[in-house]
Amino acid sequence: MKFKHGAIRCDDDSPALRCGFVRQQAFTLIDVMMAMLVIGLAIISLQAGISCGFMTVDASRETLRATQVMLEKLETVRLYSWSQLNTAGFMPTNFTAPFNPSTNATGGFNYQGTLSINNASSVSETYSNDLKEVIVTVTWTNLNILRTRTMSTFVSQYGLQNYIYY
C-alpha cells in the first residue's frame, strides 16, 4: 500500500519501509526574483514614458503660447502707418507677457520679448527701401531650461495701409 503524507511518500510494498521526499511543483526563489525584475522594469519603463509624455505636452504648450505672443505683436504692427513705424521710440522694443493670460491666474512664468524694426537689408530688389523687417524674439525659462523663439515679417510702405486709410 502506498500513501502520501505531506511531502513524504512511503511505500510499504518492499520488505523494508522506504520513505522519501516527493518533489513538489512550485516556483523557486530564482523564478520569483526574475519575475519581479521583469515586472519592475515594465513599471519603470511605463512611468518614464508617461513622464516624458507630460514633459512633451508642457513644452508644446509653452511654445504655442510663445507663438501666440509673437503673433500678437506682429499683428499690432499691421495697425500702424508707415510714418509711425519709422518714428523712433513709437513702439516699445521690450515687453513681457504672462504664460497664462487669464486675469485671475497667479503663478507661472513670464515671457520676455524684444521687437525690432530694421531696414530690409536681406532684400536686394529695387523696392527694398520701401520695406521694413519686423523681428519679434521671445525667451522664457521654465524648469531651468532657457527657450527662445523668433518670428519675423516684412512691412511695405505701399501695402495694406494704402488700401484702407488712403
N, C-alpha and C. Protein backbone atom coordinates (compact mmCIF):
# COMPACT_ATOMS: atom_id res chain seq x y z
N MET A 1 0.84 -1.16 0.00
CA MET A 1 0.00 0.00 0.00
C MET A 1 0.90 1.24 0.00
N LYS A 2 0.50 2.20 -0.83
CA LYS A 2 1.25 3.44 -0.94
C LYS A 2 0.41 4.57 -0.38
N PHE A 3 1.04 5.47 0.34
CA PHE A 3 0.31 6.64 0.83
C PHE A 3 1.25 7.84 0.87
N LYS A 4 0.62 8.99 0.80
CA LYS A 4 1.37 10.24 0.83
C LYS A 4 0.97 10.98 2.09
N HIS A 5 1.95 11.56 2.70
CA HIS A 5 1.69 12.36 3.88
C HIS A 5 2.55 13.62 3.76
N GLY A 6 1.94 14.76 3.39
CA GLY A 6 2.69 15.99 3.23
C GLY A 6 3.66 15.87 2.08
N ALA A 7 4.92 16.04 2.33
CA ALA A 7 5.93 15.95 1.30
C ALA A 7 6.64 14.61 1.34
N ILE A 8 6.14 13.67 2.17
CA ILE A 8 6.82 12.39 2.32
C ILE A 8 5.97 11.31 1.69
N ARG A 9 6.58 10.47 0.89
CA ARG A 9 5.88 9.34 0.29
C ARG A 9 6.45 8.06 0.89
N CYS A 10 5.57 7.25 1.35
CA CYS A 10 6.03 5.99 1.95
C CYS A 10 5.49 4.83 1.12
N ASP A 11 6.31 3.84 0.95
CA ASP A 11 5.95 2.67 0.16
C ASP A 11 6.15 1.44 1.04
N ASP A 12 5.07 0.68 1.33
CA ASP A 12 5.21 -0.48 2.21
C ASP A 12 5.20 -1.81 1.45
N ASP A 13 5.35 -1.76 0.10
CA ASP A 13 5.38 -2.99 -0.67
C ASP A 13 6.72 -3.71 -0.54
N SER A 14 7.70 -3.00 -0.19
CA SER A 14 9.02 -3.62 -0.05
C SER A 14 9.17 -4.14 1.37
N PRO A 15 10.08 -5.10 1.58
CA PRO A 15 10.27 -5.64 2.91
C PRO A 15 10.65 -4.58 3.91
N ALA A 16 11.41 -3.60 3.49
CA ALA A 16 11.77 -2.53 4.43
C ALA A 16 10.95 -1.30 4.08
N LEU A 17 10.55 -0.59 5.06
CA LEU A 17 9.76 0.62 4.83
C LEU A 17 10.67 1.69 4.27
N ARG A 18 10.33 2.11 3.07
CA ARG A 18 11.13 3.16 2.44
C ARG A 18 10.27 4.43 2.36
N CYS A 19 10.81 5.49 2.84
CA CYS A 19 10.13 6.80 2.75
C CYS A 19 11.09 7.77 2.11
N GLY A 20 10.60 8.59 1.23
CA GLY A 20 11.43 9.61 0.59
C GLY A 20 10.63 10.88 0.35
N PHE A 21 11.31 11.91 0.06
CA PHE A 21 10.64 13.18 -0.21
C PHE A 21 10.14 13.20 -1.65
N VAL A 22 8.93 13.70 -1.84
CA VAL A 22 8.33 13.84 -3.17
C VAL A 22 8.60 15.27 -3.64
N ARG A 23 9.01 15.40 -4.86
CA ARG A 23 9.28 16.74 -5.40
C ARG A 23 7.95 17.46 -5.63
N GLN A 24 7.80 18.62 -5.02
CA GLN A 24 6.58 19.41 -5.15
C GLN A 24 6.74 20.39 -6.30
N GLN A 25 5.66 20.69 -7.00
CA GLN A 25 5.67 21.63 -8.10
C GLN A 25 5.44 23.04 -7.56
N ALA A 26 6.47 23.88 -7.58
CA ALA A 26 6.37 25.25 -7.07
C ALA A 26 7.42 26.09 -7.75
N PHE A 27 7.35 27.41 -7.54
CA PHE A 27 8.34 28.33 -8.08
C PHE A 27 9.53 28.37 -7.16
N THR A 28 10.69 28.46 -7.74
CA THR A 28 11.89 28.61 -6.93
C THR A 28 12.11 30.08 -6.65
N LEU A 29 13.03 30.37 -5.80
CA LEU A 29 13.35 31.75 -5.47
C LEU A 29 13.88 32.50 -6.69
N ILE A 30 14.63 31.85 -7.53
CA ILE A 30 15.17 32.49 -8.74
C ILE A 30 14.04 32.85 -9.70
N ASP A 31 13.05 31.96 -9.85
CA ASP A 31 11.89 32.26 -10.70
C ASP A 31 11.15 33.50 -10.21
N VAL A 32 10.94 33.57 -8.92
CA VAL A 32 10.22 34.70 -8.34
C VAL A 32 11.02 35.98 -8.52
N MET A 33 12.32 35.92 -8.30
CA MET A 33 13.17 37.12 -8.45
C MET A 33 13.19 37.60 -9.90
N MET A 34 13.26 36.70 -10.85
CA MET A 34 13.25 37.09 -12.26
C MET A 34 11.91 37.71 -12.65
N ALA A 35 10.83 37.17 -12.16
CA ALA A 35 9.50 37.74 -12.44
C ALA A 35 9.38 39.14 -11.85
N MET A 36 9.89 39.33 -10.63
CA MET A 36 9.85 40.65 -10.02
C MET A 36 10.71 41.64 -10.80
N LEU A 37 11.85 41.18 -11.32
CA LEU A 37 12.71 42.04 -12.12
C LEU A 37 12.01 42.48 -13.40
N VAL A 38 11.36 41.57 -14.09
CA VAL A 38 10.65 41.90 -15.32
C VAL A 38 9.49 42.86 -15.04
N ILE A 39 8.73 42.60 -14.00
CA ILE A 39 7.62 43.49 -13.65
C ILE A 39 8.14 44.86 -13.23
N GLY A 40 9.22 44.90 -12.47
CA GLY A 40 9.81 46.17 -12.06
C GLY A 40 10.29 46.99 -13.25
N LEU A 41 10.96 46.35 -14.20
CA LEU A 41 11.41 47.05 -15.40
C LEU A 41 10.22 47.57 -16.21
N ALA A 42 9.17 46.80 -16.29
CA ALA A 42 7.98 47.24 -17.03
C ALA A 42 7.35 48.46 -16.36
N ILE A 43 7.26 48.45 -15.04
CA ILE A 43 6.67 49.59 -14.33
C ILE A 43 7.54 50.83 -14.47
N ILE A 44 8.85 50.68 -14.36
CA ILE A 44 9.75 51.82 -14.52
C ILE A 44 9.67 52.38 -15.94
N SER A 45 9.63 51.52 -16.93
CA SER A 45 9.52 51.97 -18.32
C SER A 45 8.20 52.70 -18.56
N LEU A 46 7.13 52.19 -18.02
CA LEU A 46 5.83 52.83 -18.18
C LEU A 46 5.82 54.20 -17.52
N GLN A 47 6.37 54.30 -16.32
CA GLN A 47 6.42 55.58 -15.62
C GLN A 47 7.29 56.58 -16.37
N ALA A 48 8.42 56.15 -16.92
CA ALA A 48 9.30 57.03 -17.68
C ALA A 48 8.60 57.51 -18.95
N GLY A 49 7.87 56.63 -19.61
CA GLY A 49 7.14 57.02 -20.82
C GLY A 49 6.05 58.04 -20.54
N ILE A 50 5.32 57.85 -19.47
CA ILE A 50 4.27 58.79 -19.10
C ILE A 50 4.88 60.14 -18.72
N SER A 51 5.97 60.12 -17.96
CA SER A 51 6.64 61.35 -17.56
C SER A 51 7.16 62.11 -18.78
N CYS A 52 7.76 61.40 -19.71
CA CYS A 52 8.26 62.03 -20.93
C CYS A 52 7.11 62.62 -21.75
N GLY A 53 5.99 61.94 -21.78
CA GLY A 53 4.82 62.44 -22.50
C GLY A 53 4.30 63.74 -21.90
N PHE A 54 4.23 63.81 -20.57
CA PHE A 54 3.78 65.04 -19.92
C PHE A 54 4.76 66.19 -20.15
N MET A 55 6.05 65.91 -20.14
CA MET A 55 7.04 66.96 -20.40
C MET A 55 6.91 67.47 -21.84
N THR A 56 6.64 66.59 -22.77
CA THR A 56 6.46 66.99 -24.17
C THR A 56 5.23 67.86 -24.33
N VAL A 57 4.15 67.50 -23.67
CA VAL A 57 2.93 68.31 -23.73
C VAL A 57 3.17 69.68 -23.13
N ASP A 58 3.87 69.76 -22.00
CA ASP A 58 4.17 71.05 -21.38
C ASP A 58 5.03 71.92 -22.29
N ALA A 59 6.05 71.34 -22.91
CA ALA A 59 6.91 72.10 -23.83
C ALA A 59 6.11 72.59 -25.03
N SER A 60 5.22 71.77 -25.53
CA SER A 60 4.38 72.18 -26.67
C SER A 60 3.45 73.33 -26.27
N ARG A 61 2.90 73.25 -25.08
CA ARG A 61 2.01 74.32 -24.61
C ARG A 61 2.77 75.63 -24.45
N GLU A 62 3.98 75.56 -23.91
CA GLU A 62 4.79 76.77 -23.76
C GLU A 62 5.15 77.37 -25.12
N THR A 63 5.51 76.52 -26.07
CA THR A 63 5.87 77.01 -27.40
C THR A 63 4.66 77.60 -28.11
N LEU A 64 3.50 76.99 -27.94
CA LEU A 64 2.29 77.53 -28.54
C LEU A 64 1.95 78.90 -27.98
N ARG A 65 2.09 79.06 -26.68
CA ARG A 65 1.82 80.37 -26.07
C ARG A 65 2.83 81.40 -26.55
N ALA A 66 4.10 81.01 -26.71
CA ALA A 66 5.12 81.93 -27.24
C ALA A 66 4.76 82.36 -28.66
N THR A 67 4.26 81.44 -29.46
CA THR A 67 3.83 81.77 -30.81
C THR A 67 2.66 82.75 -30.79
N GLN A 68 1.74 82.57 -29.86
CA GLN A 68 0.61 83.50 -29.73
C GLN A 68 1.09 84.90 -29.36
N VAL A 69 2.05 84.98 -28.45
CA VAL A 69 2.58 86.28 -28.03
C VAL A 69 3.26 86.98 -29.22
N MET A 70 4.09 86.24 -29.95
CA MET A 70 4.78 86.84 -31.10
C MET A 70 3.80 87.27 -32.18
N LEU A 71 2.80 86.44 -32.46
CA LEU A 71 1.81 86.78 -33.47
C LEU A 71 1.01 88.01 -33.06
N GLU A 72 0.71 88.14 -31.78
CA GLU A 72 0.00 89.31 -31.29
C GLU A 72 0.81 90.59 -31.56
N LYS A 73 2.11 90.53 -31.31
CA LYS A 73 2.97 91.70 -31.57
C LYS A 73 3.05 92.01 -33.06
N LEU A 74 3.15 90.99 -33.90
CA LEU A 74 3.23 91.23 -35.34
C LEU A 74 1.91 91.75 -35.89
N GLU A 75 0.80 91.30 -35.36
CA GLU A 75 -0.49 91.82 -35.79
C GLU A 75 -0.67 93.27 -35.36
N THR A 76 -0.11 93.64 -34.23
CA THR A 76 -0.18 95.04 -33.79
C THR A 76 0.58 95.94 -34.76
N VAL A 77 1.68 95.46 -35.27
CA VAL A 77 2.48 96.25 -36.22
C VAL A 77 1.66 96.57 -37.46
N ARG A 78 0.78 95.69 -37.87
CA ARG A 78 -0.04 95.93 -39.06
C ARG A 78 -0.98 97.12 -38.90
N LEU A 79 -1.28 97.49 -37.68
CA LEU A 79 -2.22 98.58 -37.44
C LEU A 79 -1.56 99.96 -37.56
N TYR A 80 -0.25 100.02 -37.58
CA TYR A 80 0.45 101.30 -37.60
C TYR A 80 0.75 101.73 -39.03
N SER A 81 0.79 103.03 -39.23
CA SER A 81 1.12 103.56 -40.54
C SER A 81 2.64 103.52 -40.75
N TRP A 82 3.05 103.79 -41.98
CA TRP A 82 4.47 103.76 -42.32
C TRP A 82 5.25 104.80 -41.51
N SER A 83 4.69 106.00 -41.35
CA SER A 83 5.39 107.04 -40.59
C SER A 83 5.50 106.66 -39.11
N GLN A 84 4.49 106.00 -38.56
CA GLN A 84 4.57 105.57 -37.17
C GLN A 84 5.65 104.50 -36.99
N LEU A 85 5.77 103.58 -37.94
CA LEU A 85 6.80 102.55 -37.85
C LEU A 85 8.20 103.13 -37.93
N ASN A 86 8.34 104.24 -38.66
CA ASN A 86 9.65 104.86 -38.81
C ASN A 86 9.97 105.85 -37.70
N THR A 87 9.03 106.11 -36.81
CA THR A 87 9.27 107.01 -35.69
C THR A 87 9.99 106.24 -34.59
N ALA A 88 11.18 106.72 -34.24
CA ALA A 88 11.96 106.04 -33.20
C ALA A 88 11.24 106.14 -31.86
N GLY A 89 11.15 105.04 -31.17
CA GLY A 89 10.53 105.00 -29.85
C GLY A 89 9.02 104.94 -29.87
N PHE A 90 8.41 104.90 -31.05
CA PHE A 90 6.95 104.83 -31.10
C PHE A 90 6.44 103.51 -30.53
N MET A 91 7.11 102.43 -30.90
CA MET A 91 6.74 101.10 -30.38
C MET A 91 7.77 100.68 -29.36
N PRO A 92 7.35 100.15 -28.22
CA PRO A 92 8.33 99.68 -27.23
C PRO A 92 9.11 98.49 -27.78
N THR A 93 10.40 98.47 -27.50
CA THR A 93 11.24 97.39 -28.02
C THR A 93 11.28 96.18 -27.09
N ASN A 94 10.98 96.38 -25.83
CA ASN A 94 10.97 95.27 -24.87
C ASN A 94 9.58 95.11 -24.29
N PHE A 95 9.19 93.88 -24.04
CA PHE A 95 7.87 93.62 -23.47
C PHE A 95 7.90 92.32 -22.68
N THR A 96 6.90 92.14 -21.83
CA THR A 96 6.71 90.89 -21.11
C THR A 96 5.26 90.45 -21.31
N ALA A 97 5.08 89.15 -21.26
CA ALA A 97 3.73 88.59 -21.38
C ALA A 97 3.66 87.37 -20.47
N PRO A 98 2.54 87.19 -19.78
CA PRO A 98 2.43 86.03 -18.87
C PRO A 98 2.17 84.74 -19.64
N PHE A 99 2.56 83.63 -19.05
CA PHE A 99 2.26 82.33 -19.65
C PHE A 99 0.76 82.10 -19.69
N ASN A 100 0.09 82.42 -18.58
CA ASN A 100 -1.35 82.27 -18.51
C ASN A 100 -1.97 83.66 -18.64
N PRO A 101 -2.62 83.95 -19.77
CA PRO A 101 -3.13 85.31 -19.98
C PRO A 101 -4.39 85.64 -19.20
N SER A 102 -4.94 84.70 -18.44
CA SER A 102 -6.15 84.97 -17.67
C SER A 102 -5.86 86.01 -16.59
N THR A 103 -6.79 86.89 -16.35
CA THR A 103 -6.58 87.94 -15.34
C THR A 103 -6.67 87.39 -13.93
N ASN A 104 -7.31 86.25 -13.74
CA ASN A 104 -7.45 85.68 -12.40
C ASN A 104 -6.32 84.72 -12.05
N ALA A 105 -5.49 84.39 -13.01
CA ALA A 105 -4.45 83.38 -12.78
C ALA A 105 -3.27 83.99 -12.03
N THR A 106 -2.68 83.20 -11.19
CA THR A 106 -1.46 83.61 -10.48
C THR A 106 -0.41 82.54 -10.70
N GLY A 107 0.82 82.92 -10.50
CA GLY A 107 1.90 81.96 -10.66
C GLY A 107 2.32 81.83 -12.11
N GLY A 108 3.07 80.80 -12.39
CA GLY A 108 3.56 80.61 -13.74
C GLY A 108 4.83 81.42 -13.97
N PHE A 109 5.09 81.71 -15.21
CA PHE A 109 6.27 82.48 -15.57
C PHE A 109 5.90 83.48 -16.64
N ASN A 110 6.81 84.38 -16.93
CA ASN A 110 6.59 85.41 -17.94
C ASN A 110 7.52 85.19 -19.12
N TYR A 111 7.03 85.57 -20.27
CA TYR A 111 7.86 85.61 -21.48
C TYR A 111 8.48 87.00 -21.57
N GLN A 112 9.77 87.05 -21.86
CA GLN A 112 10.44 88.32 -22.11
C GLN A 112 10.66 88.40 -23.62
N GLY A 113 10.29 89.54 -24.19
CA GLY A 113 10.39 89.65 -25.64
C GLY A 113 11.01 90.94 -26.08
N THR A 114 11.52 90.92 -27.30
CA THR A 114 12.06 92.11 -27.95
C THR A 114 11.43 92.24 -29.32
N LEU A 115 11.20 93.47 -29.74
CA LEU A 115 10.65 93.76 -31.05
C LEU A 115 11.60 94.74 -31.72
N SER A 116 12.05 94.42 -32.90
CA SER A 116 12.94 95.34 -33.61
C SER A 116 12.42 95.55 -35.03
N ILE A 117 12.51 96.80 -35.48
CA ILE A 117 12.10 97.17 -36.82
C ILE A 117 13.35 97.66 -37.54
N ASN A 118 13.75 96.94 -38.56
CA ASN A 118 15.00 97.24 -39.27
C ASN A 118 14.72 97.42 -40.75
N ASN A 119 15.69 98.03 -41.43
CA ASN A 119 15.62 98.09 -42.88
C ASN A 119 15.75 96.67 -43.42
N ALA A 120 15.10 96.42 -44.53
CA ALA A 120 15.12 95.08 -45.13
C ALA A 120 16.41 94.91 -45.92
N SER A 121 17.49 94.69 -45.22
CA SER A 121 18.80 94.58 -45.89
C SER A 121 18.96 93.25 -46.61
N SER A 122 18.17 92.26 -46.25
CA SER A 122 18.30 90.96 -46.90
C SER A 122 17.61 90.92 -48.26
N VAL A 123 16.84 91.96 -48.58
CA VAL A 123 16.14 92.03 -49.86
C VAL A 123 16.96 92.90 -50.80
N SER A 124 17.27 92.38 -51.98
CA SER A 124 18.11 93.13 -52.93
C SER A 124 17.31 93.74 -54.06
N GLU A 125 16.00 93.73 -53.97
CA GLU A 125 15.16 94.30 -55.02
C GLU A 125 15.18 95.82 -54.95
N THR A 126 14.67 96.46 -56.00
CA THR A 126 14.68 97.93 -56.06
C THR A 126 13.75 98.55 -55.03
N TYR A 127 12.75 97.83 -54.61
CA TYR A 127 11.80 98.36 -53.63
C TYR A 127 12.23 98.09 -52.18
N SER A 128 13.47 97.69 -51.97
CA SER A 128 13.91 97.35 -50.60
C SER A 128 13.88 98.56 -49.67
N ASN A 129 13.95 99.79 -50.23
CA ASN A 129 13.86 100.98 -49.37
C ASN A 129 12.44 101.19 -48.85
N ASP A 130 11.47 100.54 -49.47
CA ASP A 130 10.08 100.66 -49.05
C ASP A 130 9.65 99.49 -48.16
N LEU A 131 10.62 98.72 -47.68
CA LEU A 131 10.33 97.57 -46.82
C LEU A 131 11.02 97.72 -45.47
N LYS A 132 10.35 97.25 -44.47
CA LYS A 132 10.94 97.13 -43.13
C LYS A 132 10.79 95.68 -42.69
N GLU A 133 11.80 95.18 -42.01
CA GLU A 133 11.73 93.84 -41.46
C GLU A 133 11.44 93.96 -39.96
N VAL A 134 10.39 93.29 -39.53
CA VAL A 134 10.00 93.30 -38.13
C VAL A 134 10.35 91.93 -37.55
N ILE A 135 11.15 91.93 -36.49
CA ILE A 135 11.59 90.70 -35.85
C ILE A 135 11.13 90.72 -34.39
N VAL A 136 10.43 89.66 -33.99
CA VAL A 136 9.98 89.50 -32.61
C VAL A 136 10.67 88.26 -32.05
N THR A 137 11.34 88.43 -30.92
CA THR A 137 12.02 87.32 -30.25
C THR A 137 11.46 87.19 -28.84
N VAL A 138 11.13 85.98 -28.46
CA VAL A 138 10.58 85.71 -27.14
C VAL A 138 11.48 84.68 -26.46
N THR A 139 11.84 84.94 -25.21
CA THR A 139 12.62 83.98 -24.42
C THR A 139 11.89 83.73 -23.10
N TRP A 140 12.06 82.54 -22.58
CA TRP A 140 11.48 82.20 -21.28
C TRP A 140 12.28 81.06 -20.67
N THR A 141 12.19 80.98 -19.36
CA THR A 141 12.85 79.92 -18.61
C THR A 141 11.81 79.19 -17.77
N ASN A 142 11.76 77.88 -17.94
CA ASN A 142 10.87 77.06 -17.13
C ASN A 142 11.62 75.77 -16.83
N LEU A 143 11.61 75.36 -15.56
CA LEU A 143 12.34 74.17 -15.10
C LEU A 143 13.82 74.27 -15.46
N ASN A 144 14.38 75.47 -15.30
CA ASN A 144 15.80 75.75 -15.55
C ASN A 144 16.23 75.48 -16.99
N ILE A 145 15.29 75.55 -17.91
CA ILE A 145 15.61 75.39 -19.33
C ILE A 145 15.28 76.70 -20.03
N LEU A 146 16.28 77.31 -20.66
CA LEU A 146 16.09 78.56 -21.39
C LEU A 146 15.64 78.23 -22.81
N ARG A 147 14.53 78.82 -23.22
CA ARG A 147 13.99 78.59 -24.56
C ARG A 147 13.84 79.92 -25.28
N THR A 148 14.01 79.90 -26.59
CA THR A 148 13.91 81.10 -27.41
C THR A 148 13.19 80.77 -28.70
N ARG A 149 12.31 81.66 -29.11
CA ARG A 149 11.62 81.54 -30.39
C ARG A 149 11.65 82.90 -31.07
N THR A 150 11.72 82.89 -32.40
CA THR A 150 11.79 84.12 -33.17
C THR A 150 10.81 84.03 -34.33
N MET A 151 10.19 85.16 -34.64
CA MET A 151 9.29 85.26 -35.77
C MET A 151 9.56 86.59 -36.46
N SER A 152 9.54 86.61 -37.78
CA SER A 152 9.79 87.86 -38.50
C SER A 152 8.86 87.98 -39.69
N THR A 153 8.67 89.22 -40.12
CA THR A 153 7.84 89.51 -41.30
C THR A 153 8.34 90.81 -41.92
N PHE A 154 7.85 91.10 -43.11
CA PHE A 154 8.17 92.34 -43.79
C PHE A 154 6.92 93.21 -43.84
N VAL A 155 7.14 94.52 -43.72
CA VAL A 155 6.07 95.50 -43.82
C VAL A 155 6.43 96.43 -44.97
N SER A 156 5.46 96.68 -45.84
CA SER A 156 5.70 97.51 -47.02
C SER A 156 5.09 98.89 -46.84
N GLN A 157 5.76 99.89 -47.39
CA GLN A 157 5.24 101.25 -47.32
C GLN A 157 3.95 101.37 -48.13
N TYR A 158 3.85 100.68 -49.22
CA TYR A 158 2.68 100.77 -50.09
C TYR A 158 1.86 99.49 -50.02
N GLY A 159 1.71 98.99 -48.84
CA GLY A 159 0.99 97.72 -48.66
C GLY A 159 -0.45 97.94 -48.29
N LEU A 160 -0.93 97.20 -47.34
CA LEU A 160 -2.32 97.15 -46.97
C LEU A 160 -2.85 98.50 -46.44
N GLN A 161 -2.00 99.26 -45.79
CA GLN A 161 -2.45 100.54 -45.22
C GLN A 161 -2.96 101.49 -46.28
N ASN A 162 -2.37 101.51 -47.46
CA ASN A 162 -2.83 102.43 -48.52
C ASN A 162 -4.23 102.10 -48.98
N TYR A 163 -4.60 100.84 -48.98
CA TYR A 163 -5.93 100.46 -49.42
C TYR A 163 -6.99 100.82 -48.40
N ILE A 164 -6.63 100.78 -47.15
CA ILE A 164 -7.62 101.00 -46.10
C ILE A 164 -7.76 102.47 -45.73
N TYR A 165 -6.64 103.17 -45.55
CA TYR A 165 -6.70 104.51 -44.97
C TYR A 165 -6.54 105.63 -46.00
N TYR A 166 -6.16 105.35 -47.21
CA TYR A 166 -5.93 106.45 -48.16
C TYR A 166 -6.95 106.48 -49.26
